[in-house]
Protein backbone atom coordinates (compact mmCIF):
# COMPACT_ATOMS: atom_id res chain seq x y z
CA UNK A 1 9.45 -5.00 11.64
CA UNK A 2 7.29 -2.71 9.56
CA UNK A 3 6.63 0.52 11.46
CA UNK A 4 4.86 2.65 8.84
CA UNK A 5 3.35 2.21 5.36
CA UNK A 6 2.49 5.18 3.16
CA UNK A 7 0.71 4.75 -0.19
CA UNK A 8 -0.20 7.44 -2.71
CA UNK A 9 -2.34 7.01 -5.85
CA UNK A 10 -2.59 3.23 -5.96
CA UNK A 11 -5.86 2.03 -7.47
CA UNK A 12 -8.77 3.67 -5.61
CA UNK A 13 -6.61 4.89 -2.70
CA UNK A 14 -5.79 8.56 -2.78
CA UNK A 15 -3.25 8.74 0.02
CA UNK A 16 -3.02 6.68 3.19
CA UNK A 17 -0.48 6.36 5.96
CA UNK A 18 -0.69 3.50 8.44
CA UNK A 19 1.42 3.26 11.58
CA UNK A 20 1.88 -0.23 13.03
CA UNK A 21 2.55 -1.00 16.68
CA UNK A 22 4.30 -3.92 18.37
CA UNK A 23 2.27 -7.11 18.51
CA UNK A 24 -0.82 -7.95 16.49
CA UNK A 25 -2.22 -5.34 14.09
CA UNK A 26 -5.66 -5.91 12.53
CA UNK A 27 -7.11 -4.10 9.51
CA UNK A 28 -10.88 -4.20 9.27
CA UNK A 29 -13.44 -2.28 7.28
CA UNK A 30 -16.21 -2.46 4.75
CA UNK A 31 -15.88 -4.04 1.33
CA UNK A 32 -14.01 -1.67 -0.96
CA UNK A 33 -12.27 0.17 1.87
CA UNK A 34 -8.79 -0.71 0.53
CA UNK A 35 -7.55 -3.48 2.82
CA UNK A 36 -6.42 -5.73 -0.03
CA UNK A 37 -4.90 -2.79 -1.90
CA UNK A 38 -2.86 -2.00 1.21
CA UNK A 39 -1.56 -5.60 1.21
CA UNK A 40 -0.80 -5.33 -2.53
CA UNK A 41 1.21 -2.18 -1.80
CA UNK A 42 3.19 -4.02 0.86
CA UNK A 43 3.87 -6.85 -1.61
CA UNK A 44 5.16 -4.37 -4.19
CA UNK A 45 7.33 -2.70 -1.56
CA UNK A 46 8.87 -6.09 -0.74
CA UNK A 47 9.75 -6.84 -4.36
CA UNK A 48 6.71 -8.30 -6.10
CA UNK A 49 6.81 -7.59 -9.83
CA UNK A 50 4.17 -5.41 -11.39
CA UNK A 51 2.23 -7.57 -13.85
CA UNK A 52 0.61 -4.78 -15.86
CA UNK A 53 0.97 -1.11 -16.56
CA UNK A 54 -1.52 1.65 -17.29
CA UNK A 55 -3.09 1.55 -20.73
CA UNK A 56 -1.38 4.71 -21.94
CA UNK A 57 -3.77 7.01 -20.11
CA UNK A 58 -2.37 9.92 -18.17
CA UNK A 59 -2.36 8.87 -14.52
CA UNK A 60 -0.81 10.14 -11.34
CA UNK A 61 2.47 8.67 -10.14
CA UNK A 62 2.10 5.89 -7.57
CA UNK A 63 4.38 6.12 -4.53
CA UNK A 64 4.79 3.37 -1.92
CA UNK A 65 7.00 4.01 1.10
CA UNK A 66 7.75 1.85 4.11
CA UNK A 67 9.67 2.41 7.34
CA UNK A 68 11.24 -0.71 8.76
CA UNK A 69 12.98 -1.24 12.11
CA UNK A 70 15.82 -3.70 11.85
């Protein structure tokens, strides 16, 4: 079970940390709040390949961390 997801510098997200509880967890918010980006981060954490890279511009390092309870 995923207990915590921390994302830094992914797309428009600066830095977020989300703690999940047992049972159903629901993410809601306005358009552009970062819900889909959070799901993309989880996909990358679980092994999804990155399809594209930055276009040579200097950008901050993206960090995605997850805490799982086995």
